C-alpha cells in the first residue's frame, strides 16, 4: 500500500488462516539525490517513521506502540547476532545513513511490529476467537 509520509495508514487482517504471528510494516523509501551536497536518512529510519502503531479488535484498541519505544525495545532485547539483519530491515545501514552520500536508491524496509502475538509463536493470535477483521493503524 503506497502512502505519503505523515499520513495515517490502516490495514485490515482478514480472517483467512488460523494464527497471526510475525507482523511487519512494509515501507518504500523514495530515491533521493543530493544537489550540491550530501544526503542521508536518519539512523533507525524504520522506527523514526512511526509515530504510533495500534491494534484494534472489535473496535477496541488492544495494543499500541510508538516508534521510539520500538527502538528502545530492540536495543534492550535483540540478540547481538541478529542486529545486522535487523538493521537492514529497518534501514539502519551505511548505504542509507552514511556520511557523504550523493545518491540513495529507493529502498524497501520491513519493520517488525512488537504486538504481544509477534514475540512468541505460543502467543499467536487465534483467528477462530475473533468475530471480525482486525485493523492495524500506523
N, C-alpha and C. Protein backbone atom coordinates (compact mmCIF):
# COMPACT_ATOMS: atom_id res chain seq x y z
N UNK A 1 0.85 -1.17 0.00
CA UNK A 1 0.00 0.00 0.00
C UNK A 1 0.90 1.24 0.00
N UNK A 2 0.78 2.09 -0.98
CA UNK A 2 1.59 3.31 -1.06
C UNK A 2 0.93 4.41 -0.24
N UNK A 3 1.75 5.22 0.40
CA UNK A 3 1.23 6.34 1.17
C UNK A 3 2.24 7.47 1.19
N UNK A 4 1.79 8.64 1.53
CA UNK A 4 2.68 9.78 1.71
C UNK A 4 3.15 9.79 3.15
N UNK A 5 4.38 10.30 3.36
CA UNK A 5 4.87 10.43 4.73
C UNK A 5 3.97 11.39 5.49
N UNK A 6 3.76 11.11 6.77
CA UNK A 6 2.93 11.96 7.61
C UNK A 6 1.46 11.60 7.59
N UNK A 7 1.08 10.64 6.80
CA UNK A 7 -0.33 10.23 6.71
C UNK A 7 -0.57 9.00 7.58
N UNK A 8 -1.82 8.85 8.02
CA UNK A 8 -2.21 7.66 8.76
C UNK A 8 -2.48 6.54 7.76
N UNK A 9 -1.98 5.35 8.07
CA UNK A 9 -2.17 4.18 7.21
C UNK A 9 -2.90 3.13 8.02
N UNK A 10 -3.86 2.47 7.41
CA UNK A 10 -4.62 1.43 8.09
C UNK A 10 -4.71 0.22 7.19
N UNK A 11 -4.60 -0.96 7.77
CA UNK A 11 -4.81 -2.19 7.01
C UNK A 11 -5.66 -3.12 7.85
N UNK A 12 -6.33 -4.02 7.21
CA UNK A 12 -7.20 -4.96 7.90
C UNK A 12 -6.70 -6.37 7.66
N UNK A 13 -6.55 -7.11 8.75
CA UNK A 13 -6.13 -8.52 8.66
C UNK A 13 -7.39 -9.35 8.46
N UNK A 14 -7.46 -10.05 7.34
CA UNK A 14 -8.65 -10.85 7.06
C UNK A 14 -8.69 -12.08 7.97
N UNK A 15 -9.78 -12.80 7.91
CA UNK A 15 -9.95 -13.98 8.76
C UNK A 15 -9.41 -15.23 8.11
N UNK A 16 -8.70 -15.13 6.99
CA UNK A 16 -8.10 -16.30 6.35
C UNK A 16 -6.95 -16.80 7.20
N UNK A 17 -6.82 -18.10 7.34
CA UNK A 17 -5.73 -18.68 8.11
C UNK A 17 -6.16 -18.99 9.54
N UNK A 18 -5.25 -19.57 10.30
CA UNK A 18 -5.55 -19.99 11.66
C UNK A 18 -4.94 -19.09 12.73
N UNK A 19 -3.68 -18.66 12.50
CA UNK A 19 -2.95 -17.90 13.52
C UNK A 19 -2.27 -16.69 12.90
N UNK A 20 -2.13 -15.64 13.70
CA UNK A 20 -1.34 -14.47 13.30
C UNK A 20 -0.15 -14.41 14.24
N UNK A 21 1.05 -14.35 13.65
CA UNK A 21 2.26 -14.33 14.49
C UNK A 21 3.14 -13.15 14.09
N UNK A 22 4.15 -13.34 13.30
CA UNK A 22 5.07 -12.26 12.92
C UNK A 22 4.34 -11.27 12.00
N UNK A 23 4.47 -9.98 12.32
CA UNK A 23 3.80 -8.94 11.55
C UNK A 23 4.79 -7.82 11.28
N UNK A 24 4.77 -7.30 10.05
CA UNK A 24 5.74 -6.29 9.64
C UNK A 24 5.03 -5.12 8.98
N UNK A 25 5.61 -3.95 9.12
CA UNK A 25 5.18 -2.78 8.37
C UNK A 25 6.15 -2.63 7.20
N UNK A 26 5.63 -2.66 5.98
CA UNK A 26 6.47 -2.52 4.79
C UNK A 26 6.42 -1.07 4.32
N UNK A 27 7.60 -0.47 4.18
CA UNK A 27 7.71 0.94 3.78
C UNK A 27 8.68 1.03 2.60
N UNK A 28 8.33 1.82 1.60
CA UNK A 28 9.24 2.10 0.50
C UNK A 28 9.79 3.51 0.66
N UNK A 29 11.09 3.59 0.90
CA UNK A 29 11.75 4.89 0.95
C UNK A 29 12.01 5.34 -0.48
N UNK A 30 11.72 6.59 -0.80
CA UNK A 30 11.96 7.04 -2.18
C UNK A 30 13.44 7.25 -2.46
N UNK A 31 13.77 7.25 -3.73
CA UNK A 31 15.13 7.58 -4.15
C UNK A 31 15.37 9.06 -3.84
N UNK A 32 16.56 9.37 -3.32
CA UNK A 32 16.91 10.77 -3.10
C UNK A 32 18.29 11.05 -3.69
N UNK A 33 18.45 12.24 -4.23
CA UNK A 33 19.71 12.65 -4.86
C UNK A 33 20.10 14.02 -4.32
N UNK A 34 21.36 14.16 -3.96
CA UNK A 34 21.86 15.44 -3.46
C UNK A 34 22.05 16.40 -4.62
N UNK A 35 21.76 17.65 -4.38
CA UNK A 35 22.03 18.69 -5.37
C UNK A 35 23.02 19.67 -4.74
N UNK A 36 24.30 19.36 -4.91
CA UNK A 36 25.33 20.23 -4.37
C UNK A 36 25.69 19.97 -2.93
N UNK A 37 25.56 18.76 -2.47
CA UNK A 37 25.89 18.41 -1.09
C UNK A 37 25.78 16.91 -0.90
N UNK A 38 25.41 16.52 0.30
CA UNK A 38 25.23 15.09 0.57
C UNK A 38 23.86 14.88 1.20
N UNK A 39 23.40 13.64 1.15
CA UNK A 39 22.11 13.26 1.71
C UNK A 39 22.28 12.00 2.54
N UNK A 40 21.37 11.78 3.47
CA UNK A 40 21.35 10.55 4.26
C UNK A 40 20.00 10.47 4.97
N UNK A 41 19.53 9.26 5.18
CA UNK A 41 18.38 9.05 6.03
C UNK A 41 18.88 9.04 7.47
N UNK A 42 18.00 9.34 8.42
CA UNK A 42 18.39 9.33 9.83
C UNK A 42 18.61 7.89 10.29
N UNK A 43 19.40 7.73 11.33
CA UNK A 43 19.63 6.41 11.91
C UNK A 43 18.30 5.84 12.39
N UNK A 44 18.13 4.54 12.23
CA UNK A 44 16.90 3.84 12.63
C UNK A 44 15.67 4.41 11.93
N UNK A 45 15.79 4.72 10.65
CA UNK A 45 14.72 5.36 9.90
C UNK A 45 13.40 4.59 9.99
N UNK A 46 13.46 3.27 10.01
CA UNK A 46 12.24 2.48 10.09
C UNK A 46 11.43 2.78 11.33
N UNK A 47 12.10 2.96 12.46
CA UNK A 47 11.40 3.30 13.70
C UNK A 47 11.05 4.78 13.75
N UNK A 48 11.91 5.62 13.19
CA UNK A 48 11.69 7.06 13.23
C UNK A 48 10.46 7.47 12.41
N UNK A 49 10.10 6.69 11.42
CA UNK A 49 8.92 6.98 10.60
C UNK A 49 7.61 6.74 11.34
N UNK A 50 7.66 5.96 12.41
CA UNK A 50 6.43 5.55 13.10
C UNK A 50 6.15 6.47 14.28
N UNK A 51 5.04 7.20 14.19
CA UNK A 51 4.57 7.96 15.36
C UNK A 51 4.00 6.95 16.34
N UNK A 52 3.02 6.17 15.88
CA UNK A 52 2.49 5.07 16.68
C UNK A 52 1.84 4.06 15.76
N UNK A 53 1.71 2.85 16.27
CA UNK A 53 1.02 1.78 15.56
C UNK A 53 0.13 1.09 16.58
N UNK A 54 -1.14 0.88 16.21
CA UNK A 54 -2.04 0.25 17.18
C UNK A 54 -2.83 -0.89 16.55
N UNK A 55 -3.34 -1.73 17.42
CA UNK A 55 -4.12 -2.90 17.02
C UNK A 55 -5.50 -2.77 17.64
N UNK A 56 -6.52 -2.93 16.82
CA UNK A 56 -7.90 -2.88 17.30
C UNK A 56 -8.58 -4.21 17.03
N UNK A 57 -9.37 -4.65 17.99
CA UNK A 57 -10.21 -5.84 17.81
C UNK A 57 -11.61 -5.46 18.26
N UNK A 58 -12.58 -5.63 17.37
CA UNK A 58 -13.96 -5.28 17.69
C UNK A 58 -14.14 -3.81 18.01
N UNK A 59 -13.35 -2.94 17.36
CA UNK A 59 -13.46 -1.51 17.60
C UNK A 59 -12.75 -1.02 18.85
N UNK A 60 -12.16 -1.92 19.60
CA UNK A 60 -11.45 -1.58 20.85
C UNK A 60 -9.95 -1.63 20.63
N UNK A 61 -9.24 -0.56 21.02
CA UNK A 61 -7.78 -0.58 20.92
C UNK A 61 -7.23 -1.56 21.95
N UNK A 62 -6.46 -2.54 21.47
CA UNK A 62 -5.93 -3.60 22.33
C UNK A 62 -4.47 -3.37 22.66
N UNK A 63 -3.70 -2.87 21.71
CA UNK A 63 -2.25 -2.70 21.90
C UNK A 63 -1.81 -1.49 21.09
N UNK A 64 -0.84 -0.73 21.62
CA UNK A 64 -0.34 0.45 20.93
C UNK A 64 1.14 0.60 21.23
N UNK A 65 1.92 0.88 20.19
CA UNK A 65 3.36 1.06 20.34
C UNK A 65 3.79 2.32 19.62
N UNK A 66 4.90 2.88 20.08
CA UNK A 66 5.46 4.10 19.50
C UNK A 66 6.81 3.78 18.88
N UNK A 67 7.19 4.51 17.83
CA UNK A 67 8.47 4.28 17.16
C UNK A 67 9.65 4.37 18.10
N UNK A 68 9.66 5.36 19.00
CA UNK A 68 10.75 5.48 19.97
C UNK A 68 10.81 4.26 20.88
N UNK A 69 9.64 3.78 21.31
CA UNK A 69 9.59 2.59 22.16
C UNK A 69 10.13 1.38 21.40
N UNK A 70 9.77 1.26 20.12
CA UNK A 70 10.24 0.12 19.33
C UNK A 70 11.76 0.13 19.24
N UNK A 71 12.35 1.32 19.13
CA UNK A 71 13.80 1.45 19.06
C UNK A 71 14.44 1.02 20.39
N UNK A 72 13.86 1.46 21.50
CA UNK A 72 14.38 1.08 22.82
C UNK A 72 14.23 -0.42 23.04
N UNK A 73 13.07 -0.97 22.68
CA UNK A 73 12.82 -2.42 22.84
C UNK A 73 13.87 -3.23 22.09
N UNK A 74 14.16 -2.83 20.85
CA UNK A 74 15.15 -3.53 20.04
C UNK A 74 16.53 -3.43 20.69
N UNK A 75 16.89 -2.25 21.19
CA UNK A 75 18.20 -2.08 21.84
C UNK A 75 18.34 -2.97 23.06
N UNK A 76 17.25 -3.16 23.80
CA UNK A 76 17.30 -3.93 25.04
C UNK A 76 17.17 -5.43 24.85
N UNK A 77 16.48 -5.86 23.80
CA UNK A 77 16.14 -7.28 23.71
C UNK A 77 16.74 -8.05 22.54
N UNK A 78 17.23 -7.37 21.53
CA UNK A 78 17.71 -8.07 20.34
C UNK A 78 19.07 -8.70 20.59
N UNK A 79 19.19 -9.98 20.28
CA UNK A 79 20.46 -10.70 20.43
C UNK A 79 21.50 -10.09 19.48
N UNK A 80 22.76 -9.95 19.94
CA UNK A 80 23.80 -9.34 19.11
C UNK A 80 23.94 -9.97 17.73
N UNK A 81 23.78 -11.27 17.61
CA UNK A 81 23.91 -11.94 16.32
C UNK A 81 22.81 -11.60 15.33
N UNK A 82 21.69 -11.06 15.82
CA UNK A 82 20.57 -10.71 14.95
C UNK A 82 20.60 -9.24 14.51
N UNK A 83 21.46 -8.44 15.13
CA UNK A 83 21.49 -7.00 14.84
C UNK A 83 21.77 -6.65 13.38
N UNK A 84 22.75 -7.28 12.70
CA UNK A 84 23.00 -6.90 11.30
C UNK A 84 21.76 -7.08 10.40
N UNK A 85 21.08 -8.20 10.52
CA UNK A 85 19.89 -8.43 9.71
C UNK A 85 18.76 -7.49 10.08
N UNK A 86 18.59 -7.26 11.38
CA UNK A 86 17.54 -6.35 11.85
C UNK A 86 17.80 -4.93 11.33
N UNK A 87 19.06 -4.49 11.42
CA UNK A 87 19.41 -3.15 10.94
C UNK A 87 19.11 -3.00 9.45
N UNK A 88 19.32 -4.04 8.67
CA UNK A 88 18.99 -3.99 7.25
C UNK A 88 17.48 -3.84 7.07
N UNK A 89 16.70 -4.55 7.88
CA UNK A 89 15.24 -4.49 7.77
C UNK A 89 14.70 -3.10 8.05
N UNK A 90 15.30 -2.38 9.03
CA UNK A 90 14.77 -1.07 9.41
C UNK A 90 15.53 0.09 8.76
N UNK A 91 16.47 -0.22 7.86
CA UNK A 91 17.16 0.82 7.12
C UNK A 91 18.33 1.45 7.85
N UNK A 92 18.84 0.78 8.84
CA UNK A 92 19.97 1.31 9.60
C UNK A 92 21.27 0.75 9.02
N UNK A 93 21.59 1.18 7.79
CA UNK A 93 22.77 0.68 7.09
C UNK A 93 23.59 1.85 6.56
N UNK A 94 24.89 1.66 6.37
CA UNK A 94 25.73 2.74 5.82
C UNK A 94 25.25 3.24 4.45
N UNK A 95 24.64 2.37 3.67
CA UNK A 95 24.15 2.78 2.34
C UNK A 95 23.01 3.79 2.43
N UNK A 96 22.33 3.84 3.58
CA UNK A 96 21.22 4.79 3.77
C UNK A 96 21.56 5.92 4.73
N UNK A 97 22.43 5.65 5.71
CA UNK A 97 22.68 6.63 6.77
C UNK A 97 24.11 7.16 6.79
N UNK A 98 24.96 6.66 5.90
CA UNK A 98 26.37 7.04 5.91
C UNK A 98 26.61 8.49 5.53
N UNK A 99 27.78 9.01 5.89
CA UNK A 99 28.12 10.39 5.51
C UNK A 99 28.52 10.47 4.04
N UNK A 100 28.39 11.64 3.49
CA UNK A 100 28.86 11.95 2.14
C UNK A 100 28.19 11.15 1.03
N UNK A 101 26.93 10.78 1.21
CA UNK A 101 26.20 10.09 0.15
C UNK A 101 25.63 11.13 -0.81
N UNK A 102 25.70 10.86 -2.09
CA UNK A 102 25.13 11.78 -3.07
C UNK A 102 23.85 11.24 -3.70
N UNK A 103 23.70 9.92 -3.70
CA UNK A 103 22.50 9.28 -4.24
C UNK A 103 22.13 8.12 -3.34
N UNK A 104 20.83 8.01 -3.03
CA UNK A 104 20.33 6.86 -2.28
C UNK A 104 19.18 6.27 -3.10
N UNK A 105 19.28 4.99 -3.48
CA UNK A 105 18.22 4.39 -4.29
C UNK A 105 16.96 4.16 -3.45
N UNK A 106 15.85 3.97 -4.13
CA UNK A 106 14.61 3.58 -3.46
C UNK A 106 14.87 2.27 -2.71
N UNK A 107 14.37 2.18 -1.49
CA UNK A 107 14.68 1.04 -0.64
C UNK A 107 13.42 0.55 0.08
N UNK A 108 13.24 -0.76 0.13
CA UNK A 108 12.14 -1.37 0.88
C UNK A 108 12.59 -1.65 2.31
N UNK A 109 11.79 -1.25 3.28
CA UNK A 109 12.03 -1.58 4.69
C UNK A 109 10.94 -2.52 5.15
N UNK A 110 11.30 -3.43 6.05
CA UNK A 110 10.34 -4.36 6.65
C UNK A 110 10.50 -4.23 8.15
N UNK A 111 9.67 -3.42 8.77
CA UNK A 111 9.81 -3.07 10.17
C UNK A 111 9.00 -4.05 11.01
N UNK A 112 9.67 -4.87 11.84
CA UNK A 112 8.94 -5.83 12.68
C UNK A 112 8.10 -5.10 13.73
N UNK A 113 6.84 -5.46 13.81
CA UNK A 113 5.98 -4.92 14.86
C UNK A 113 6.11 -5.78 16.10
N UNK A 114 5.84 -5.22 17.26
CA UNK A 114 6.09 -5.93 18.52
C UNK A 114 4.82 -6.15 19.34
N UNK A 115 3.69 -6.37 18.68
CA UNK A 115 2.49 -6.71 19.43
C UNK A 115 2.74 -8.01 20.18
N UNK A 116 1.96 -8.27 21.22
CA UNK A 116 2.22 -9.44 22.06
C UNK A 116 2.28 -10.73 21.26
N UNK A 117 1.45 -10.88 20.24
CA UNK A 117 1.40 -12.13 19.47
C UNK A 117 2.56 -12.27 18.49
N UNK A 118 3.35 -11.21 18.31
CA UNK A 118 4.50 -11.25 17.40
C UNK A 118 5.75 -11.80 18.07
N UNK A 119 5.79 -11.81 19.37
CA UNK A 119 7.02 -12.11 20.12
C UNK A 119 7.31 -13.59 20.28
N UNK A 120 6.27 -14.41 20.27
CA UNK A 120 6.45 -15.83 20.55
C UNK A 120 5.33 -16.59 19.85
N UNK A 121 5.65 -17.68 19.19
CA UNK A 121 4.64 -18.46 18.47
C UNK A 121 3.54 -18.96 19.41
N UNK A 122 3.88 -19.20 20.67
CA UNK A 122 2.89 -19.65 21.65
C UNK A 122 1.86 -18.58 21.97
N UNK A 123 2.14 -17.32 21.63
CA UNK A 123 1.22 -16.21 21.89
C UNK A 123 0.46 -15.79 20.64
N UNK A 124 0.59 -16.55 19.55
CA UNK A 124 -0.04 -16.19 18.28
C UNK A 124 -1.54 -15.94 18.46
N UNK A 125 -2.05 -14.96 17.75
CA UNK A 125 -3.46 -14.60 17.81
C UNK A 125 -4.27 -15.61 17.01
N UNK A 126 -5.21 -16.27 17.68
CA UNK A 126 -6.03 -17.29 17.01
C UNK A 126 -7.14 -16.63 16.23
N UNK A 127 -7.27 -17.01 14.98
CA UNK A 127 -8.30 -16.45 14.13
C UNK A 127 -9.70 -16.87 14.56
N UNK A 128 -9.87 -18.07 15.10
CA UNK A 128 -11.20 -18.55 15.47
C UNK A 128 -11.81 -17.75 16.61
N UNK A 129 -10.99 -17.09 17.41
CA UNK A 129 -11.52 -16.36 18.57
C UNK A 129 -12.05 -14.99 18.19
N UNK A 130 -11.84 -14.58 16.94
CA UNK A 130 -12.27 -13.25 16.51
C UNK A 130 -13.57 -13.33 15.73
N UNK A 131 -14.42 -12.34 15.93
CA UNK A 131 -15.67 -12.26 15.19
C UNK A 131 -15.57 -11.37 13.96
N UNK A 132 -14.50 -10.57 13.87
CA UNK A 132 -14.39 -9.63 12.76
C UNK A 132 -12.94 -9.46 12.35
N UNK A 133 -12.74 -8.74 11.26
CA UNK A 133 -11.38 -8.44 10.79
C UNK A 133 -10.69 -7.52 11.80
N UNK A 134 -9.35 -7.56 11.82
CA UNK A 134 -8.56 -6.78 12.77
C UNK A 134 -7.85 -5.65 12.04
N UNK A 135 -8.18 -4.38 12.39
CA UNK A 135 -7.43 -3.28 11.77
C UNK A 135 -6.13 -2.99 12.52
N UNK A 136 -5.08 -2.69 11.77
CA UNK A 136 -3.82 -2.22 12.32
C UNK A 136 -3.57 -0.86 11.70
N UNK A 137 -3.33 0.14 12.53
CA UNK A 137 -3.14 1.51 12.05
C UNK A 137 -1.77 2.01 12.44
N UNK A 138 -1.09 2.66 11.50
CA UNK A 138 0.22 3.26 11.77
C UNK A 138 0.20 4.69 11.28
